[in-house]
Amino acid sequence: MHISDTPPAAPSTAAAHDFGLIIIGDEIMSGKRADKHLAAVIERLNARGLQLAYADYVGDSPRRITSALARAFASGDVVFSCGGIGATPDDHTRQCAARALGVALALHPQAKELILQRMADMAREQGTAFEPERSDNLHRLNMGSFPIGAQIIPNPYNKIPGFSCSPLRGDAAMGAAVHFVPGFPVMAWPMVDWVLDTYYAHLFRRGQWVEKSVIVFGAMEATLTPLMEEIESRFAGIKVFSLPSVDHPVHGRHIELGVKGEGDAVSAAYAELLNGLASFNAVLGPELVRE
C-alpha cells in the first residue's frame, strides 16, 4: 500500500527535505493491528510546521523491506521507519537496512552499553542476579547490531535504542537519512520527537505554514479546475486543494476549496480565489483557517 538523520553534529543548512514514512509489519498488513503511526507522525510534523510527503506500508518480507529502504536512502528525503528492529526471526529491518546501504552489521558500542543497562535493570526489578553471559542476554545484544556508521536514537521508555543511517555513511545530521524506531507507539513517538528536535529544528516553520479554505456549495470540481490552475500558476509556492464531500454530516454535498503555503502569499492567493469564485455565482459557506 502506498499513500501520494558523543553529541550529534551540527545540522546542514541545505534546502528543506521531504519527509517520508515507512511502516513495517505483517500485523498491519493482515489487520491484526491497526496502524497508529501515520496519524502520529503527521501530527508531530504539523506541530513543527512540516508536512509528510508520503508513506509506505510493507509486510515482513526482507526483499520488499530492502527495496523500500533502498528507495528511501536514494530519495534524498528524511524518512522514518517504524517496526522490525527487534531480534526475533520476524524482525528483518536492521539486516535489510545494512543490505540496502551495502554495509555490514556491527554491534554499536553505545547500543551495547544501553542494552546491558536495560538487562541489569530488569534483573534488579525481578530480584535476580544479572548474568550478562547468559545465552538469552547475549541474544538481546543483537538489538544493538546496526549498519556500520549508524547513530543511535535514545529510547526513553526502556533504553533499547533505535538508529539513524545516512546514505552519506555516518552523519544523519547532514539532512537526508532514514531513522529507525520500534513498532511500539509508546517508544516510537518520543523517539521521532527527539530526531526532529535534534536534527531538523533548522527546518521548523511554526506559524509560517497556513491553509485557508472555504466551503463551496453547488459547484463541480471540473468547473473550478481552471481557476485552481490559474491560482497555482500566479502564486509560486502555493498549492491549491479541492476536497469534495457527498455526505458531510453538517454541510452535506460540498467542496472545500482552498490554498496552502507560507504567510502573506497564502492571503493574497486566497483573496484571488474568492474573487474567482464570485464569477461562478457559487454559494459559499464557512471559511476555515489552519496554521
Protein backbone atom coordinates (compact mmCIF):
# COMPACT_ATOMS: atom_id res chain seq x y z
CA MET A 1 0.00 0.00 0.00
CA HIS A 2 1.32 3.45 -0.85
CA ILE A 3 -0.01 6.86 0.20
CA SER A 4 1.00 10.15 -2.57
CA ASP A 5 19.48 11.89 10.16
CA THR A 6 29.41 11.65 21.61
CA PRO A 7 26.67 14.64 20.53
CA PRO A 8 25.25 14.85 17.04
CA ALA A 9 26.99 17.02 14.51
CA ALA A 10 25.60 20.44 13.65
CA PRO A 11 22.83 20.23 11.06
CA SER A 12 23.34 21.26 7.49
CA THR A 13 21.81 24.47 6.21
CA ALA A 14 20.81 22.78 2.97
CA ALA A 15 17.37 23.23 1.49
CA ALA A 16 14.41 21.59 3.16
CA HIS A 17 13.85 17.90 2.56
CA ASP A 18 10.66 15.98 2.04
CA PHE A 19 9.57 13.80 4.95
CA GLY A 20 8.54 10.21 4.39
CA LEU A 21 7.35 7.28 6.50
CA ILE A 22 7.76 3.50 6.20
CA ILE A 23 5.58 1.28 8.40
CA ILE A 24 6.71 -2.35 8.60
CA GLY A 25 4.91 -5.42 9.84
CA ASP A 26 2.69 -8.31 8.80
CA GLU A 27 0.39 -7.44 11.71
CA ILE A 28 -0.53 -4.21 9.94
CA MET A 29 -0.99 -5.80 6.53
CA SER A 30 -3.16 -8.62 7.95
CA GLY A 31 -5.33 -6.28 10.00
CA LYS A 32 -4.37 -7.85 13.35
CA ARG A 33 -3.31 -4.37 14.43
CA ALA A 34 -4.45 -1.01 13.15
CA ASP A 35 -1.67 1.40 12.21
CA LYS A 36 -1.36 4.41 14.51
CA HIS A 37 1.99 5.72 13.27
CA LEU A 38 0.73 7.58 10.21
CA ALA A 39 -1.55 9.93 12.15
CA ALA A 40 1.03 10.37 14.94
CA VAL A 41 3.89 11.29 12.59
CA ILE A 42 1.65 13.69 10.66
CA GLU A 43 0.70 15.35 13.96
CA ARG A 44 4.32 15.69 15.07
CA LEU A 45 5.43 17.15 11.75
CA ASN A 46 2.49 19.56 11.56
CA ALA A 47 3.22 20.82 15.09
CA ARG A 48 6.62 21.91 13.78
CA GLY A 49 5.32 23.46 10.59
CA LEU A 50 6.36 20.44 8.50
CA GLN A 51 4.40 18.05 6.33
CA LEU A 52 4.52 14.37 5.46
CA ALA A 53 5.05 13.83 1.73
CA TYR A 54 4.39 10.08 1.51
CA ALA A 55 4.02 6.81 3.42
CA ASP A 56 4.77 3.19 2.51
CA TYR A 57 3.36 0.09 4.19
CA VAL A 58 5.46 -3.09 3.96
CA GLY A 59 4.95 -6.56 5.36
CA ASP A 60 7.71 -8.68 6.93
CA SER A 61 9.31 -9.56 3.59
CA PRO A 62 13.09 -8.98 3.55
CA ARG A 63 13.02 -8.42 -0.20
CA ARG A 64 10.31 -5.77 -0.01
CA ILE A 65 11.79 -4.10 3.08
CA THR A 66 15.23 -3.88 1.42
CA SER A 67 13.65 -2.42 -1.71
CA ALA A 68 11.67 0.17 0.27
CA LEU A 69 14.75 1.19 2.26
CA ALA A 70 16.94 1.40 -0.87
CA ARG A 71 14.40 3.83 -2.33
CA ALA A 72 14.38 5.81 0.90
CA PHE A 73 18.17 6.10 1.03
CA ALA A 74 18.29 7.14 -2.62
CA SER A 75 15.49 9.70 -2.28
CA GLY A 76 17.40 12.48 -0.53
CA ASP A 77 14.49 12.65 1.93
CA VAL A 78 14.14 12.40 5.71
CA VAL A 79 12.37 9.10 6.31
CA PHE A 80 11.12 7.46 9.50
CA SER A 81 10.90 3.66 9.56
CA CYS A 82 8.69 2.09 12.23
CA GLY A 83 8.95 -1.56 13.20
CA GLY A 84 11.04 -4.68 12.76
CA ILE A 85 14.19 -3.64 14.64
CA GLY A 86 13.96 -6.30 17.34
CA ALA A 87 15.87 -9.61 17.44
CA THR A 88 13.17 -12.21 16.75
CA PRO A 89 13.01 -14.22 13.49
CA ASP A 90 10.34 -11.93 12.01
CA ASP A 91 12.41 -8.78 12.60
CA HIS A 92 14.32 -8.01 9.40
CA THR A 93 14.68 -4.23 9.33
CA ARG A 94 18.24 -3.94 10.70
CA GLN A 95 19.56 -6.54 8.26
CA CYS A 96 17.65 -5.03 5.34
CA ALA A 97 18.96 -1.54 6.14
CA ALA A 98 22.54 -2.83 6.02
CA ARG A 99 21.83 -4.64 2.75
CA ALA A 100 20.25 -1.53 1.22
CA LEU A 101 23.33 0.52 2.16
CA GLY A 102 25.82 -2.16 1.11
CA VAL A 103 27.47 -2.31 4.54
CA ALA A 104 27.79 -4.89 7.31
CA LEU A 105 26.00 -5.05 10.64
CA ALA A 106 28.10 -4.49 13.76
CA LEU A 107 27.31 -4.21 17.45
CA HIS A 108 27.20 -0.47 18.19
CA PRO A 109 29.21 0.25 21.39
CA GLN A 110 26.71 2.76 22.80
CA ALA A 111 23.83 0.48 21.98
CA LYS A 112 25.62 -2.40 23.73
CA GLU A 113 26.02 -0.35 26.91
CA LEU A 114 22.38 0.75 26.86
CA ILE A 115 21.11 -2.79 26.34
CA LEU A 116 23.34 -4.07 29.15
CA GLN A 117 21.92 -1.34 31.40
CA ARG A 118 18.41 -2.42 30.49
CA MET A 119 19.15 -6.07 31.25
CA ALA A 120 20.69 -5.13 34.61
CA ASP A 121 17.61 -3.04 35.41
CA MET A 122 15.34 -5.98 34.57
CA ALA A 123 17.34 -8.35 36.79
CA ARG A 124 17.19 -5.86 39.65
CA GLU A 125 13.43 -5.42 39.23
CA GLN A 126 12.97 -9.20 39.30
CA GLY A 127 15.28 -9.65 42.30
CA THR A 128 17.66 -11.92 40.38
CA ALA A 129 21.37 -11.80 39.65
CA PHE A 130 22.41 -10.13 36.41
CA GLU A 131 24.18 -12.66 34.19
CA PRO A 132 25.39 -10.83 31.05
CA GLU A 133 26.89 -14.01 29.55
CA ARG A 134 23.65 -15.96 29.76
CA SER A 135 22.51 -17.07 26.30
CA ASP A 136 19.27 -15.07 26.26
CA ASN A 137 21.09 -11.92 27.35
CA LEU A 138 23.73 -12.40 24.66
CA HIS A 139 20.90 -12.76 22.14
CA ARG A 140 19.38 -9.46 23.28
CA LEU A 141 22.59 -7.70 22.23
CA ASN A 142 21.57 -8.37 18.64
CA MET A 143 19.14 -5.48 19.03
CA GLY A 144 22.21 -3.22 19.06
CA SER A 145 23.67 -4.56 15.81
CA PHE A 146 23.23 -1.70 13.34
CA PRO A 147 24.61 -0.93 9.89
CA ILE A 148 28.17 0.33 10.19
CA GLY A 149 28.16 4.11 10.52
CA ALA A 150 24.77 4.30 12.24
CA GLN A 151 24.00 6.71 15.06
CA ILE A 152 21.75 5.75 17.95
CA ILE A 153 18.33 7.19 18.74
CA PRO A 154 17.70 7.21 22.52
CA ASN A 155 14.69 5.27 23.76
CA PRO A 156 13.28 6.91 26.91
CA TYR A 157 10.91 4.01 27.57
CA ASN A 158 13.29 1.09 28.05
CA LYS A 159 16.75 2.27 26.87
CA ILE A 160 16.86 -0.10 23.84
CA PRO A 161 17.92 2.37 21.14
CA GLY A 162 16.86 2.88 17.59
CA PHE A 163 19.29 4.10 14.97
CA SER A 164 19.78 6.57 12.12
CA CYS A 165 21.60 5.96 8.87
CA SER A 166 22.61 8.41 6.19
CA PRO A 167 23.41 7.43 2.61
CA LEU A 168 26.48 9.62 3.10
CA ARG A 169 27.74 6.98 5.52
CA GLY A 170 27.66 8.25 9.02
CA ASP A 171 26.22 11.70 9.54
CA ALA A 172 22.46 11.66 9.90
CA ALA A 173 22.57 15.36 10.70
CA MET A 174 23.53 16.02 7.09
CA GLY A 175 19.81 16.00 6.38
CA ALA A 176 18.82 13.09 4.18
CA ALA A 177 18.62 9.99 6.37
CA VAL A 178 16.43 7.11 7.44
CA HIS A 179 15.61 6.97 11.14
CA PHE A 180 14.64 3.58 12.55
CA VAL A 181 12.35 3.29 15.58
CA PRO A 182 10.40 0.37 17.11
CA GLY A 183 6.88 -0.53 16.17
CA PHE A 184 5.57 0.17 19.68
CA PRO A 185 3.98 3.64 19.73
CA VAL A 186 4.96 4.28 23.37
CA MET A 187 8.59 4.02 22.29
CA ALA A 188 8.45 5.19 18.69
CA TRP A 189 6.73 8.55 19.07
CA PRO A 190 9.08 10.08 21.69
CA MET A 191 11.97 8.88 19.54
CA VAL A 192 10.52 10.59 16.46
CA ASP A 193 10.18 13.79 18.54
CA TRP A 194 13.84 13.51 19.58
CA VAL A 195 15.03 13.06 15.99
CA LEU A 196 13.05 16.05 14.75
CA ASP A 197 14.17 18.34 17.59
CA THR A 198 17.81 17.17 17.48
CA TYR A 199 18.49 17.11 13.75
CA TYR A 200 15.84 19.20 12.00
CA ALA A 201 14.98 22.21 14.16
CA HIS A 202 16.52 24.42 11.47
CA LEU A 203 13.71 23.31 9.15
CA PHE A 204 10.82 24.10 11.50
CA ARG A 205 8.30 26.60 10.18
CA ARG A 206 5.97 27.02 13.13
CA GLY A 207 3.40 29.69 12.37
CA GLN A 208 4.63 30.12 8.79
CA TRP A 209 2.60 27.42 7.06
CA VAL A 210 -1.00 28.48 6.63
CA GLU A 211 -4.02 26.88 5.00
CA LYS A 212 -7.14 28.88 4.10
CA SER A 213 -10.25 27.39 2.56
CA VAL A 214 -13.95 27.92 2.05
CA ILE A 215 -16.94 25.58 1.77
CA VAL A 216 -18.43 25.81 -1.72
CA PHE A 217 -21.96 24.59 -2.47
CA GLY A 218 -23.46 23.76 -5.84
CA ALA A 219 -20.25 23.67 -7.89
CA MET A 220 -18.42 20.92 -9.76
CA GLU A 221 -14.66 20.32 -9.47
CA ALA A 222 -14.28 20.21 -13.25
CA THR A 223 -15.77 23.69 -13.47
CA LEU A 224 -13.44 25.04 -10.80
CA THR A 225 -10.26 23.42 -12.18
CA PRO A 226 -9.25 26.32 -14.48
CA LEU A 227 -9.46 28.73 -11.52
CA MET A 228 -7.33 26.39 -9.42
CA GLU A 229 -4.71 26.11 -12.16
CA GLU A 230 -4.62 29.88 -12.62
CA ILE A 231 -4.04 30.49 -8.89
CA GLU A 232 -1.16 27.98 -8.77
CA SER A 233 0.45 29.47 -11.88
CA ARG A 234 0.29 33.02 -10.49
CA PHE A 235 1.49 32.35 -6.93
CA ALA A 236 4.79 30.48 -6.68
CA GLY A 237 4.95 28.02 -3.77
CA ILE A 238 1.19 27.96 -3.28
CA LYS A 239 -0.80 24.75 -3.54
CA VAL A 240 -4.50 24.79 -4.32
CA PHE A 241 -6.60 21.90 -2.99
CA SER A 242 -10.10 20.63 -3.51
CA LEU A 243 -11.79 18.21 -1.10
CA PRO A 244 -15.25 17.14 -2.28
CA SER A 245 -17.78 15.53 0.03
CA VAL A 246 -21.12 13.95 -0.80
CA ASP A 247 -22.47 13.15 2.66
CA HIS A 248 -20.89 15.52 5.21
CA PRO A 249 -22.94 15.44 8.45
CA VAL A 250 -23.10 19.26 8.62
CA HIS A 251 -22.58 20.65 5.12
CA GLY A 252 -23.92 17.80 3.00
CA ARG A 253 -22.67 17.75 -0.59
CA HIS A 254 -19.98 20.41 -0.99
CA ILE A 255 -16.38 21.14 -1.97
CA GLU A 256 -13.80 22.51 0.46
CA LEU A 257 -11.67 24.68 -1.81
CA GLY A 258 -8.53 26.34 -0.51
CA VAL A 259 -4.88 27.32 -0.74
CA LYS A 260 -1.91 26.43 1.43
CA GLY A 261 1.66 27.67 1.72
CA GLU A 262 3.64 30.26 3.63
CA GLY A 263 2.45 33.52 5.14
CA ASP A 264 1.45 36.52 3.04
CA ALA A 265 1.40 34.57 -0.20
CA VAL A 266 -1.49 32.48 1.12
CA SER A 267 -3.54 35.56 1.97
CA ALA A 268 -3.02 37.04 -1.49
CA ALA A 269 -3.78 33.77 -3.27
CA TYR A 270 -6.86 33.17 -1.13
CA ALA A 271 -8.22 36.64 -1.94
CA GLU A 272 -7.85 35.86 -5.64
CA LEU A 273 -9.54 32.51 -5.12
CA LEU A 274 -12.56 34.20 -3.55
CA ASN A 275 -12.67 36.73 -6.39
CA GLY A 276 -12.64 33.92 -8.89
CA LEU A 277 -15.43 32.06 -7.12
CA ALA A 278 -17.61 35.18 -7.33
CA SER A 279 -17.60 34.87 -11.11
CA PHE A 280 -19.16 31.40 -10.81
CA ASN A 281 -22.02 32.66 -8.64
CA ALA A 282 -21.05 29.89 -6.22
CA VAL A 283 -22.77 29.68 -2.86
CA LEU A 284 -20.12 29.94 -0.17
CA GLY A 285 -20.26 28.60 3.35
CA PRO A 286 -17.88 28.85 6.31
CA GLU A 287 -14.24 29.85 5.82
CA LEU A 288 -11.54 27.78 7.50
CA VAL A 289 -8.01 28.68 8.60
CA ARG A 290 -5.43 26.11 9.75
CA GLU A 291 -1.94 27.01 10.94
